Amino acid sequence: MDVKYINPFVDAVKNVFNTMIEVPFTLGKPSLKKGNLPEYEISGFIGLTGTVTGCVVINMNKGIALQLVSELIGEEVTELDDDCTDAIGEIANMIAGNAKTDFPSAGTSISVPSVVIGKHKVSYPSGLPIICIPCVTEKGQMVLEVALKAET
């Protein structure tokens, strides 16, 4: 997997966290994921089709989700309700939109993100490595998972 397809999403997370949500975080060391079970119970899915295909998953626990949504809307959120789920989707959408501006492949469409809450599996594209990039906040860790390939 070419880093030029991963970096727009890493840069988008940095931009969204630093400017729109204002949640301090640090990026951890990337690693390869084994299996299709997410580490945490909340995932925002971004699909890619066209000249580059695959998916990007923003996976987080409830504490981080509540922290991010609280910062986004400017008031404390304590419950993972429909409004909170919508806000998580909006955060994933901001990341997708930011990534699209720097994405190197003009023939690629980036989907509107979807959010899944609770125990779930991820349908990663078959045979692709899944790169996991941890993002650590004061409330814990979330993971950016990237599984993409350029069509030949």
Protein backbone atom coordinates (compact mmCIF):
# COMPACT_ATOMS: atom_id res chain seq x y z
CA MET A 1 0.00 0.00 0.00
CA ASP A 2 1.48 3.28 -1.11
CA VAL A 3 1.96 5.88 1.63
CA LYS A 4 0.66 8.57 -0.74
CA TYR A 5 -2.83 7.09 -0.21
CA ILE A 6 -2.47 6.87 3.59
CA ASN A 7 -1.00 10.32 4.28
CA PRO A 8 -4.07 12.32 3.16
CA PHE A 9 -6.11 10.57 5.87
CA VAL A 10 -3.43 11.03 8.54
CA ASP A 11 -3.14 14.72 7.59
CA ALA A 12 -6.94 15.02 7.62
CA VAL A 13 -7.14 13.64 11.17
CA LYS A 14 -4.44 16.12 12.24
CA ASN A 15 -6.30 19.01 10.61
CA VAL A 16 -9.73 18.11 12.00
CA PHE A 17 -8.40 17.47 15.52
CA ASN A 18 -6.25 20.61 15.59
CA THR A 19 -8.60 23.13 13.96
CA MET A 20 -12.20 21.95 14.07
CA ILE A 21 -12.46 19.87 17.22
CA GLU A 22 -9.43 21.21 19.09
CA VAL A 23 -8.62 17.95 20.89
CA PRO A 24 -4.89 17.48 21.56
CA PHE A 25 -3.57 14.11 20.40
CA THR A 26 -0.42 12.29 19.40
CA LEU A 27 0.04 9.79 16.60
CA GLY A 28 1.46 6.41 17.53
CA LYS A 29 3.56 4.00 15.51
CA PRO A 30 1.74 2.36 12.59
CA SER A 31 1.34 -1.41 12.65
CA LEU A 32 -0.35 -4.17 10.67
CA LYS A 33 -3.79 -5.30 11.84
CA LYS A 34 -4.67 -8.96 12.04
CA GLY A 35 -8.30 -9.97 11.53
CA ASN A 36 -11.43 -7.95 10.95
CA LEU A 37 -12.61 -7.28 14.49
CA PRO A 38 -12.28 -3.63 15.54
CA GLU A 39 -10.57 -2.94 18.83
CA TYR A 40 -13.29 -0.53 19.99
CA GLU A 41 -17.08 -0.46 19.83
CA ILE A 42 -17.55 2.64 17.63
CA SER A 43 -16.45 2.88 13.99
CA GLY A 44 -16.80 5.46 11.25
CA PHE A 45 -16.42 3.81 7.82
CA ILE A 46 -15.20 5.65 4.72
CA GLY A 47 -15.28 3.70 1.45
CA LEU A 48 -13.22 4.42 -1.67
CA THR A 49 -14.02 3.33 -5.21
CA GLY A 50 -12.51 3.98 -8.61
CA THR A 51 -8.79 4.06 -9.34
CA VAL A 52 -8.12 3.45 -5.64
CA THR A 53 -10.41 1.08 -3.74
CA GLY A 54 -10.80 -0.01 -0.14
CA CYS A 55 -11.80 1.56 3.13
CA VAL A 56 -10.65 3.74 5.99
CA VAL A 57 -12.06 3.06 9.46
CA ILE A 58 -11.92 5.48 12.38
CA ASN A 59 -12.33 3.21 15.41
CA MET A 60 -12.78 4.56 18.96
CA ASN A 61 -14.12 3.83 22.39
CA LYS A 62 -17.09 5.57 24.01
CA GLY A 63 -14.93 7.93 26.10
CA ILE A 64 -13.16 9.35 23.07
CA ALA A 65 -16.40 9.53 21.08
CA LEU A 66 -18.06 11.58 23.83
CA GLN A 67 -14.96 13.80 24.12
CA LEU A 68 -14.83 14.50 20.37
CA VAL A 69 -18.55 15.19 20.07
CA SER A 70 -18.51 17.44 23.15
CA GLU A 71 -15.70 19.51 21.64
CA LEU A 72 -17.40 19.59 18.24
CA ILE A 73 -20.72 20.93 19.50
CA GLY A 74 -19.34 23.01 22.37
CA GLU A 75 -21.24 21.37 25.21
CA GLU A 76 -20.71 18.27 27.30
CA VAL A 77 -22.21 15.10 25.86
CA THR A 78 -22.61 12.20 28.29
CA GLU A 79 -24.75 9.76 26.33
CA LEU A 80 -24.16 7.87 23.12
CA ASP A 81 -27.55 8.70 21.57
CA ASP A 82 -28.66 9.35 17.98
CA ASP A 83 -27.41 12.95 18.05
CA CYS A 84 -24.00 11.76 19.25
CA THR A 85 -23.89 9.10 16.53
CA ASP A 86 -24.73 11.76 13.93
CA ALA A 87 -21.91 13.95 15.25
CA ILE A 88 -19.45 11.04 15.02
CA GLY A 89 -20.56 10.64 11.41
CA GLU A 90 -19.93 14.35 10.85
CA ILE A 91 -16.41 14.03 12.28
CA ALA A 92 -15.72 11.11 9.93
CA ASN A 93 -17.19 13.19 7.09
CA MET A 94 -14.86 16.10 7.90
CA ILE A 95 -11.90 13.70 7.84
CA ALA A 96 -13.06 12.25 4.49
CA GLY A 97 -13.57 15.73 3.02
CA ASN A 98 -10.16 16.90 4.18
CA ALA A 99 -8.50 13.76 2.82
CA LYS A 100 -10.21 14.16 -0.54
CA THR A 101 -8.61 17.57 -1.12
CA ASP A 102 -5.11 16.03 -0.93
CA PHE A 103 -5.87 12.59 -2.35
CA PRO A 104 -3.52 11.90 -5.29
CA SER A 105 -5.91 9.92 -7.49
CA ALA A 106 -8.43 11.98 -9.48
CA GLY A 107 -10.47 8.91 -10.48
CA THR A 108 -11.37 7.96 -6.91
CA SER A 109 -14.69 8.60 -5.15
CA ILE A 110 -14.76 8.85 -1.37
CA SER A 111 -18.08 7.84 0.17
CA VAL A 112 -20.16 9.60 2.77
CA PRO A 113 -19.13 7.86 6.02
CA SER A 114 -21.35 5.51 7.96
CA VAL A 115 -21.17 4.87 11.71
CA VAL A 116 -21.55 1.55 13.53
CA ILE A 117 -22.01 1.36 17.30
CA GLY A 118 -21.59 -1.89 19.25
CA LYS A 119 -19.80 -5.16 18.62
CA HIS A 120 -19.17 -5.54 14.88
CA LYS A 121 -16.84 -6.83 12.19
CA VAL A 122 -15.34 -4.79 9.38
CA SER A 123 -15.52 -5.99 5.77
CA TYR A 124 -12.01 -5.05 4.72
CA PRO A 125 -11.12 -5.76 1.08
CA SER A 126 -9.77 -9.27 0.71
CA GLY A 127 -6.02 -9.74 0.57
CA LEU A 128 -5.05 -6.19 1.53
CA PRO A 129 -2.84 -5.28 4.47
CA ILE A 130 -4.61 -3.13 7.05
CA ILE A 131 -2.42 -0.33 8.41
CA CYS A 132 -3.37 0.75 11.95
CA ILE A 133 -2.33 4.19 13.15
CA PRO A 134 -3.11 4.91 16.81
CA CYS A 135 -4.19 8.41 17.85
CA VAL A 136 -3.92 9.01 21.58
CA THR A 137 -6.01 11.67 23.38
CA GLU A 138 -6.43 12.41 27.09
CA LYS A 139 -9.45 10.05 27.08
CA GLY A 140 -7.58 7.14 25.54
CA GLN A 141 -6.71 5.81 22.12
CA MET A 142 -8.55 5.64 18.82
CA VAL A 143 -7.25 3.93 15.71
CA LEU A 144 -7.18 4.98 12.06
CA GLU A 145 -7.27 1.78 9.97
CA VAL A 146 -6.43 2.03 6.27
CA ALA A 147 -6.87 -0.77 3.70
CA LEU A 148 -6.47 0.65 0.17
CA LYS A 149 -5.12 -0.48 -3.19
CA ALA A 150 -4.63 1.18 -6.54
CA GLU A 151 -6.46 -0.54 -9.39
CA THR A 152 -4.22 -1.55 -12.24
